[in-house]
C-alpha atoms as a PDB file:
ATOM      1  CA  MET A   1      52.276 121.732 127.031  1.00  0.00           C
ATOM      2  CA  SER A   2      54.434 124.828 126.049  1.00  0.00           C
ATOM      3  CA  PRO A   3      56.969 124.555 123.244  1.00  0.00           C
ATOM      4  CA  ALA A   4      59.876 124.493 125.845  1.00  0.00           C
ATOM      5  CA  GLU A   5      58.190 121.132 127.242  1.00  0.00           C
ATOM      6  CA  PRO A   6      59.320 118.008 125.757  1.00  0.00           C
ATOM      7  CA  ALA A   7      56.469 115.655 124.613  1.00  0.00           C
ATOM      8  CA  ALA A   8      55.753 112.805 126.943  1.00  0.00           C
ATOM      9  CA  ALA A   9      56.914 109.579 125.643  1.00  0.00           C
ATOM     10  CA  GLN A  10      56.786 105.899 126.673  1.00  0.00           C
ATOM     11  CA  VAL A  11      60.187 104.646 127.547  1.00  0.00           C
ATOM     12  CA  PRO A  12      60.657 101.297 126.223  1.00  0.00           C
ATOM     13  CA  GLY A  13      62.205  98.164 127.880  1.00  0.00           C
ATOM     14  CA  PRO A  14      62.508  96.448 131.093  1.00  0.00           C
ATOM     15  CA  ALA A  15      65.026  98.944 132.273  1.00  0.00           C
ATOM     16  CA  ALA A  16      62.267 101.740 132.859  1.00  0.00           C
ATOM     17  CA  GLY A  17      60.686  99.392 135.643  1.00  0.00           C
ATOM     18  CA  ALA A  18      63.798  98.203 137.311  1.00  0.00           C
ATOM     19  CA  ALA A  19      64.111 101.002 139.675  1.00  0.00           C
ATOM     20  CA  ALA A  20      62.542 100.344 143.148  1.00  0.00           C
ATOM     21  CA  ASP A  21      61.939 102.411 146.308  1.00  0.00           C
ATOM     22  CA  PRO A  22      64.937 101.245 148.414  1.00  0.00           C
ATOM     23  CA  VAL A  23      62.767 100.985 151.613  1.00  0.00           C
ATOM     24  CA  THR A  24      59.634  99.185 150.288  1.00  0.00           C
ATOM     25  CA  SER A  25      61.163  97.476 147.517  1.00  0.00           C
ATOM     26  CA  ALA A  26      57.953  98.593 145.480  1.00  0.00           C
ATOM     27  CA  PRO A  27      58.309  99.993 142.116  1.00  0.00           C
ATOM     28  CA  ALA A  28      59.248 103.535 142.059  1.00  0.00           C
ATOM     29  CA  ARG A  29      56.716 105.906 140.582  1.00  0.00           C
ATOM     30  CA  VAL A  30      59.345 108.453 139.683  1.00  0.00           C
ATOM     31  CA  VAL A  31      62.525 107.313 138.319  1.00  0.00           C
ATOM     32  CA  LEU A  32      65.727 109.924 137.738  1.00  0.00           C
ATOM     33  CA  TYR A  33      68.361 108.781 134.787  1.00  0.00           C
ATOM     34  CA  GLY A  34      71.644 110.269 135.393  1.00  0.00           C
ATOM     35  CA  ARG A  35      75.184 110.021 136.075  1.00  0.00           C
ATOM     36  CA  ASP A  36      77.910 110.906 138.254  1.00  0.00           C
ATOM     37  CA  GLY A  37      79.638 114.198 137.803  1.00  0.00           C
ATOM     38  CA  CYS A  38      76.487 115.847 136.071  1.00  0.00           C
ATOM     39  CA  HIS A  39      75.748 119.092 137.407  1.00  0.00           C
ATOM     40  CA  LEU A  40      72.226 119.281 135.748  1.00  0.00           C
ATOM     41  CA  CYS A  41      71.841 115.659 137.570  1.00  0.00           C
ATOM     42  CA  GLU A  42      72.475 117.327 140.889  1.00  0.00           C
ATOM     43  CA  VAL A  43      69.886 120.012 140.319  1.00  0.00           C
ATOM     44  CA  ALA A  44      67.297 117.400 139.202  1.00  0.00           C
ATOM     45  CA  ARG A  45      67.964 115.544 142.133  1.00  0.00           C
ATOM     46  CA  GLU A  46      66.893 118.048 144.412  1.00  0.00           C
ATOM     47  CA  VAL A  47      63.935 119.093 142.363  1.00  0.00           C
ATOM     48  CA  VAL A  48      62.773 115.529 142.293  1.00  0.00           C
ATOM     49  CA  GLU A  49      63.384 114.792 146.069  1.00  0.00           C
ATOM     50  CA  SER A  50      61.454 118.127 146.866  1.00  0.00           C
ATOM     51  CA  VAL A  51      58.489 117.169 144.787  1.00  0.00           C
ATOM     52  CA  CYS A  52      58.355 113.483 145.765  1.00  0.00           C
ATOM     53  CA  ALA A  53      58.751 114.394 149.314  1.00  0.00           C
ATOM     54  CA  ASP A  54      55.796 116.910 149.055  1.00  0.00           C
ATOM     55  CA  GLN A  55      53.589 114.303 147.234  1.00  0.00           C
ATOM     56  CA  GLY A  56      54.662 111.366 149.302  1.00  0.00           C
ATOM     57  CA  VAL A  57      55.879 109.485 146.213  1.00  0.00           C
ATOM     58  CA  ALA A  58      58.765 106.887 145.979  1.00  0.00           C
ATOM     59  CA  TRP A  59      61.525 107.788 143.589  1.00  0.00           C
ATOM     60  CA  ALA A  60      64.579 105.977 142.727  1.00  0.00           C
ATOM     61  CA  GLU A  61      67.882 107.295 140.774  1.00  0.00           C
ATOM     62  CA  VAL A  62      69.506 105.036 138.450  1.00  0.00           C
ATOM     63  CA  ASP A  63      72.938 105.573 137.019  1.00  0.00           C
ATOM     64  CA  VAL A  64      73.057 105.130 133.059  1.00  0.00           C
ATOM     65  CA  ASP A  65      76.814 104.354 133.331  1.00  0.00           C
ATOM     66  CA  GLY A  66      76.044 101.727 136.002  1.00  0.00           C
ATOM     67  CA  ASP A  67      74.311  99.345 133.394  1.00  0.00           C
ATOM     68  CA  PRO A  68      76.758  96.796 132.123  1.00  0.00           C
ATOM     69  CA  THR A  69      74.852  95.965 128.814  1.00  0.00           C
ATOM     70  CA  GLY A  70      75.264  99.982 127.934  1.00  0.00           C
ATOM     71  CA  ALA A  71      71.530 100.020 127.057  1.00  0.00           C
ATOM     72  CA  LEU A  72      70.744 102.890 129.316  1.00  0.00           C
ATOM     73  CA  ALA A  73      73.747 105.249 128.529  1.00  0.00           C
ATOM     74  CA  ALA A  74      72.826 104.744 125.112  1.00  0.00           C
ATOM     75  CA  GLN A  75      69.012 105.619 125.345  1.00  0.00           C
ATOM     76  CA  TYR A  76      69.627 108.616 127.984  1.00  0.00           C
ATOM     77  CA  GLY A  77      73.177 109.579 127.794  1.00  0.00           C
ATOM     78  CA  ASP A  78      72.877 112.352 125.878  1.00  0.00           C
ATOM     79  CA  TYR A  79      69.666 113.521 127.480  1.00  0.00           C
ATOM     80  CA  VAL A  80      70.345 113.122 131.426  1.00  0.00           C
ATOM     81  CA  PRO A  81      68.824 113.981 133.565  1.00  0.00           C
ATOM     82  CA  VAL A  82      65.691 112.184 132.464  1.00  0.00           C
ATOM     83  CA  VAL A  83      62.965 111.944 134.550  1.00  0.00           C
ATOM     84  CA  THR A  84      60.050 109.176 134.089  1.00  0.00           C
ATOM     85  CA  VAL A  85      56.864 109.045 136.032  1.00  0.00           C
ATOM     86  CA  ASP A  86      55.239 105.355 135.935  1.00  0.00           C
ATOM     87  CA  GLY A  87      57.309 104.531 132.827  1.00  0.00           C
ATOM     88  CA  VAL A  88      56.447 107.660 130.843  1.00  0.00           C
ATOM     89  CA  GLN A  89      59.203 110.343 130.311  1.00  0.00           C
ATOM     90  CA  GLN A  90      58.095 113.900 131.600  1.00  0.00           C
ATOM     91  CA  GLY A  91      61.389 115.671 130.751  1.00  0.00           C
ATOM     92  CA  PHE A  92      65.121 115.984 130.241  1.00  0.00           C
ATOM     93  CA  TRP A  93      67.961 118.173 130.700  1.00  0.00           C
ATOM     94  CA  GLN A  94      66.318 120.482 133.134  1.00  0.00           C
ATOM     95  CA  VAL A  95      63.367 118.798 135.305  1.00  0.00           C
ATOM     96  CA  ASP A  96      60.344 121.134 135.897  1.00  0.00           C
ATOM     97  CA  GLY A  97      59.166 120.586 139.331  1.00  0.00           C
ATOM     98  CA  ALA A  98      55.412 122.003 138.302  1.00  0.00           C
ATOM     99  CA  ARG A  99      55.385 119.520 135.451  1.00  0.00           C
ATOM    100  CA  LEU A 100      56.488 116.739 137.492  1.00  0.00           C
ATOM    101  CA  ALA A 101      53.931 117.684 140.164  1.00  0.00           C
ATOM    102  CA  ARG A 102      51.240 117.793 137.571  1.00  0.00           C
ATOM    103  CA  ALA A 103      52.083 114.426 136.144  1.00  0.00           C
ATOM    104  CA  LEU A 104      52.208 112.926 139.687  1.00  0.00           C
ATOM    105  CA  SER A 105      48.679 114.128 140.466  1.00  0.00           C
ATOM    106  CA  ARG A 106      47.286 113.206 137.027  1.00  0.00           C
ATOM    107  CA  ARG A 107      48.403 109.780 137.231  1.00  0.00           C
ATOM    108  CA  ARG A 108      47.074 109.513 141.071  1.00  0.00           C
ATOM    109  CA  ALA A 109      43.750 110.735 139.678  1.00  0.00           C
ATOM    110  CA  THR A 110      43.340 108.272 136.923  1.00  0.00           C
ATOM    111  CA  GLY A 111      45.387 105.269 138.137  1.00  0.00           C
END
């Protein structure tokens, strides 16, 4: 991990597992937490969409401002976009496609 990469962290709470693949209803391996009007979120969406399509992995997007409890906005608000793989945070602000692909490969090999 380079100094520019944030350390992976376990995402707490049930909200992390709440996103599901809209087609299969299975839990999505990759979750992109963002908000409307966020230019970094738009770029992150393109990266996540591309990497997940290449890897054949389900992903979901969650609007942190859509949580009526406010918990997601409190947890991720200053950091969106945030990307998790199997509930483990992989990055925020700028999503690194290579790091996301490595995380998906690592999880597939071990789990």
